[in-house]
Amino acid sequence: MAGNPNVSLVRSYMTLRKAIGVLGTVLPVLVVSGGKIGSPYVRGSISAYYYSNMRDVFVALLCMVGVFLYTYRGFNWVDDLLTSISGLLAVGIALFPTRRDGAEHGPVGILQLSDLQTSMVHYSCAVLFFLLLASISMFLFTKTDPTLRMTARKRARNNIYRICAAIMFGAMGLYAVLRLVGAAGPHLLLWIEAICLWAFGTSWLVKGEALLGDKAASAPSPQTAGHAIS
């Protein structure tokens, strides 16, 4: 007997959400721990691991996140646009590396720009990436289809989305303030990036209902599996 195609589509849809969450969560752990192989030196940011033995892992994971976000389809065109832009920004972070530690070096990245030029693109992509992810979690994930009943678990998920967004906004704001007053430590950016990625990953894991999932009696249609109800 052929399976219900809606069930298969929804499972694939939820799996994609979970995959985005897992990648965001494990990226800082894998890159930093792997970077200690052969060197105890902890770099000042996750992006700085582009210049380590973990370059391929860093680029691959970010590109996977980017592709998954770009191909993700939400409840309406706004969701699609914001997640697609987020995906392109993730790829931009990977392909336009940050500056190396110390003095300026020669051309880097696939376009062979100076590390100053490529770092400007990198930082712009990174800031916009986290701002968009926080906004998606705060304003899109918390939407609810008015034709559907708000469940207790949906309310709980909404609270987590807001907390994750607040963490991302707060972490970025804290970094900006500490940099402005000259109180940024050598590994502050590393921790800020890791916190933002963990909050981002948690939000998408909850969105994929790996946590606090509803136990529906029957599988929803792909149209009702979008941003607005989960």
Protein backbone atom coordinates (compact mmCIF):
# COMPACT_ATOMS: atom_id res chain seq x y z
CA MET A 1 0.00 0.00 0.00
CA ALA A 2 1.44 3.34 -1.05
CA GLY A 3 2.28 5.73 1.76
CA ASN A 4 0.59 9.06 2.22
CA PRO A 5 2.62 11.58 0.14
CA ASN A 6 1.74 14.37 2.57
CA VAL A 7 3.34 12.45 5.43
CA SER A 8 6.54 11.98 3.43
CA LEU A 9 6.68 15.64 2.46
CA VAL A 10 6.11 16.87 6.00
CA ARG A 11 8.75 14.50 7.39
CA SER A 12 11.24 15.78 4.82
CA TYR A 13 10.29 19.35 5.67
CA MET A 14 10.77 18.83 9.39
CA THR A 15 14.02 16.95 8.81
CA LEU A 16 15.39 19.92 6.87
CA ARG A 17 14.59 22.19 9.81
CA LYS A 18 16.33 19.81 12.20
CA ALA A 19 19.35 19.55 9.91
CA ILE A 20 19.73 23.34 9.87
CA GLY A 21 19.53 23.34 13.67
CA VAL A 22 22.08 20.56 14.09
CA LEU A 23 24.57 22.20 11.74
CA GLY A 24 24.30 25.53 13.51
CA THR A 25 24.74 23.91 16.90
CA VAL A 26 27.72 21.70 16.10
CA LEU A 27 29.65 24.15 13.91
CA PRO A 28 31.47 26.02 16.72
CA VAL A 29 32.13 22.81 18.67
CA LEU A 30 33.62 20.95 15.71
CA VAL A 31 35.69 23.86 14.46
CA VAL A 32 37.20 24.86 17.82
CA SER A 33 37.81 21.32 19.09
CA GLY A 34 39.19 20.18 15.75
CA GLY A 35 41.44 23.21 15.59
CA LYS A 36 43.25 21.98 18.70
CA ILE A 37 44.61 18.98 16.78
CA GLY A 38 48.32 19.66 16.68
CA SER A 39 47.92 23.14 18.20
CA PRO A 40 46.59 24.22 21.61
CA TYR A 41 46.06 27.77 20.33
CA VAL A 42 42.44 28.97 20.53
CA ARG A 43 41.73 31.57 17.88
CA GLY A 44 39.92 34.82 18.45
CA SER A 45 36.84 33.93 16.44
CA ILE A 46 35.19 30.98 14.76
CA SER A 47 35.79 32.67 11.42
CA ALA A 48 39.54 32.75 12.12
CA TYR A 49 39.58 28.96 11.87
CA TYR A 50 39.48 29.48 8.11
CA TYR A 51 43.26 29.80 8.51
CA SER A 52 43.62 26.51 10.37
CA ASN A 53 43.40 22.80 9.69
CA MET A 54 39.62 23.19 10.05
CA ARG A 55 39.21 25.41 6.98
CA ASP A 56 37.45 22.74 4.93
CA VAL A 57 35.10 21.86 7.80
CA PHE A 58 34.30 25.53 8.46
CA VAL A 59 33.55 26.26 4.79
CA ALA A 60 31.65 23.02 4.23
CA LEU A 61 29.37 23.40 7.26
CA LEU A 62 28.57 27.04 6.50
CA CYS A 63 27.85 26.23 2.85
CA MET A 64 25.56 23.40 3.93
CA VAL A 65 23.69 25.77 6.24
CA GLY A 66 23.50 28.27 3.39
CA VAL A 67 22.16 25.78 0.87
CA PHE A 68 19.59 24.41 3.31
CA LEU A 69 18.38 27.91 4.19
CA TYR A 70 18.24 28.95 0.54
CA THR A 71 16.21 25.91 -0.50
CA TYR A 72 13.91 26.13 2.54
CA ARG A 73 10.35 27.21 1.73
CA GLY A 74 8.24 28.84 4.39
CA PHE A 75 4.60 29.79 4.79
CA ASN A 76 4.69 32.79 2.44
CA TRP A 77 7.00 34.80 0.19
CA VAL A 78 8.38 36.85 3.08
CA ASP A 79 9.61 33.68 4.80
CA ASP A 80 11.07 32.43 1.53
CA LEU A 81 12.85 35.73 0.86
CA LEU A 82 14.39 36.09 4.32
CA THR A 83 15.59 32.50 4.57
CA SER A 84 16.99 32.64 1.03
CA ILE A 85 18.90 35.84 1.82
CA SER A 86 20.15 34.23 5.04
CA GLY A 87 21.39 31.28 3.01
CA LEU A 88 23.30 33.50 0.59
CA LEU A 89 24.83 35.39 3.51
CA ALA A 90 26.01 32.12 5.09
CA VAL A 91 27.76 31.18 1.85
CA GLY A 92 29.25 34.68 1.72
CA ILE A 93 30.69 34.23 5.22
CA ALA A 94 32.32 30.99 4.11
CA LEU A 95 33.71 32.19 0.78
CA PHE A 96 34.93 35.61 1.91
CA PRO A 97 37.21 34.91 4.88
CA THR A 98 37.99 37.22 7.77
CA ARG A 99 41.39 38.87 8.16
CA ARG A 100 44.30 36.81 9.34
CA ASP A 101 45.87 37.48 12.71
CA GLY A 102 48.77 39.92 12.59
CA ALA A 103 49.93 41.91 9.58
CA GLU A 104 48.03 42.13 6.30
CA HIS A 105 48.65 39.20 3.99
CA GLY A 106 48.30 38.58 0.29
CA PRO A 107 45.17 37.67 -1.70
CA VAL A 108 42.77 35.18 -0.08
CA GLY A 109 39.48 33.49 -0.90
CA ILE A 110 38.09 32.33 -4.20
CA LEU A 111 38.21 35.85 -5.68
CA GLN A 112 41.77 36.42 -4.44
CA LEU A 113 40.98 39.74 -2.81
CA SER A 114 43.20 41.30 -0.18
CA ASP A 115 42.37 40.10 3.31
CA LEU A 116 41.15 43.65 4.13
CA GLN A 117 38.70 43.66 1.22
CA THR A 118 37.43 40.14 1.80
CA SER A 119 37.09 40.76 5.54
CA MET A 120 34.79 43.74 4.86
CA VAL A 121 32.48 41.46 2.88
CA HIS A 122 32.82 38.77 5.56
CA TYR A 123 31.87 41.03 8.47
CA SER A 124 28.96 42.57 6.56
CA CYS A 125 27.59 39.12 5.72
CA ALA A 126 28.06 37.91 9.30
CA VAL A 127 26.24 40.84 10.91
CA LEU A 128 23.34 40.69 8.46
CA PHE A 129 23.20 36.89 8.79
CA PHE A 130 22.73 36.94 12.56
CA LEU A 131 20.35 39.91 12.45
CA LEU A 132 18.15 38.11 9.93
CA LEU A 133 18.24 34.83 11.86
CA ALA A 134 17.25 36.61 15.06
CA SER A 135 14.45 38.43 13.25
CA ILE A 136 13.16 35.21 11.69
CA SER A 137 13.08 33.54 15.08
CA MET A 138 11.41 36.52 16.78
CA PHE A 139 8.86 37.60 14.17
CA LEU A 140 8.24 34.68 11.78
CA PHE A 141 8.60 31.53 13.85
CA THR A 142 6.15 32.90 16.41
CA LYS A 143 3.32 33.36 13.91
CA THR A 144 0.28 31.14 14.28
CA ASP A 145 -2.27 30.24 11.64
CA PRO A 146 -5.56 31.76 12.89
CA THR A 147 -7.49 28.75 11.56
CA LEU A 148 -5.58 26.38 13.86
CA ARG A 149 -5.78 25.96 17.61
CA MET A 150 -2.87 27.30 19.63
CA THR A 151 -1.50 24.37 21.60
CA ALA A 152 0.39 24.55 24.88
CA ARG A 153 3.49 23.27 23.14
CA LYS A 154 3.18 25.91 20.42
CA ARG A 155 3.12 28.56 23.16
CA ALA A 156 6.21 26.99 24.70
CA ARG A 157 7.94 26.93 21.32
CA ASN A 158 7.09 30.59 20.79
CA ASN A 159 8.73 31.42 24.10
CA ILE A 160 11.88 29.58 23.06
CA TYR A 161 11.94 31.36 19.69
CA ARG A 162 11.75 34.71 21.46
CA ILE A 163 14.45 33.74 23.97
CA CYS A 164 16.77 32.57 21.18
CA ALA A 165 16.19 35.79 19.25
CA ALA A 166 16.79 37.88 22.38
CA ILE A 167 20.04 36.01 23.00
CA MET A 168 21.24 36.71 19.46
CA PHE A 169 20.26 40.39 19.57
CA GLY A 170 21.70 40.75 23.07
CA ALA A 171 24.99 39.04 22.23
CA MET A 172 25.54 41.25 19.21
CA GLY A 173 24.66 44.35 21.19
CA LEU A 174 27.00 43.36 24.00
CA TYR A 175 29.86 42.84 21.57
CA ALA A 176 29.27 46.24 19.98
CA VAL A 177 29.26 47.98 23.38
CA LEU A 178 32.38 46.21 24.64
CA ARG A 179 34.24 46.99 21.42
CA LEU A 180 33.16 50.61 21.66
CA VAL A 181 34.51 51.02 25.20
CA GLY A 182 37.65 49.00 24.46
CA ALA A 183 36.79 46.17 26.83
CA ALA A 184 36.68 43.32 24.32
CA GLY A 185 38.81 40.37 25.39
CA PRO A 186 40.86 38.22 22.98
CA HIS A 187 38.17 35.54 22.70
CA LEU A 188 35.05 37.69 23.05
CA LEU A 189 34.11 37.40 19.39
CA LEU A 190 34.57 33.63 19.51
CA TRP A 191 32.07 33.36 22.37
CA ILE A 192 29.63 35.80 20.78
CA GLU A 193 29.64 33.82 17.52
CA ALA A 194 29.25 30.52 19.38
CA ILE A 195 26.35 31.83 21.49
CA CYS A 196 24.59 33.18 18.40
CA LEU A 197 25.06 29.90 16.54
CA TRP A 198 23.80 27.86 19.49
CA ALA A 199 20.73 30.10 19.82
CA PHE A 200 20.15 29.85 16.06
CA GLY A 201 20.54 26.07 16.14
CA THR A 202 18.22 25.69 19.11
CA SER A 203 15.54 27.79 17.44
CA TRP A 204 15.61 25.61 14.31
CA LEU A 205 15.68 22.37 16.30
CA VAL A 206 12.53 23.53 18.06
CA LYS A 207 11.09 24.61 14.71
CA GLY A 208 11.68 21.08 13.44
CA GLU A 209 9.96 19.83 16.60
CA ALA A 210 12.96 17.84 17.72
CA LEU A 211 11.97 19.50 21.00
CA LEU A 212 8.42 20.26 22.19
CA GLY A 213 6.79 18.69 19.16
CA ASP A 214 3.02 18.36 18.91
CA LYS A 215 1.64 14.84 18.82
CA ALA A 216 -0.83 15.23 16.00
CA ALA A 217 -3.40 12.58 15.30
CA SER A 218 -2.74 12.91 11.59
CA ALA A 219 0.00 14.46 9.57
CA PRO A 220 -0.61 18.04 8.39
CA SER A 221 -0.44 19.00 4.77
CA PRO A 222 2.78 20.57 3.45
CA GLN A 223 0.97 23.92 3.20
CA THR A 224 0.24 23.94 6.93
CA ALA A 225 3.74 22.86 7.87
CA GLY A 226 5.20 26.31 7.21
CA HIS A 227 6.52 29.00 9.50
CA ALA A 228 3.12 30.14 10.65
CA ILE A 229 2.10 27.16 12.72
CA SER A 230 5.20 25.54 14.19
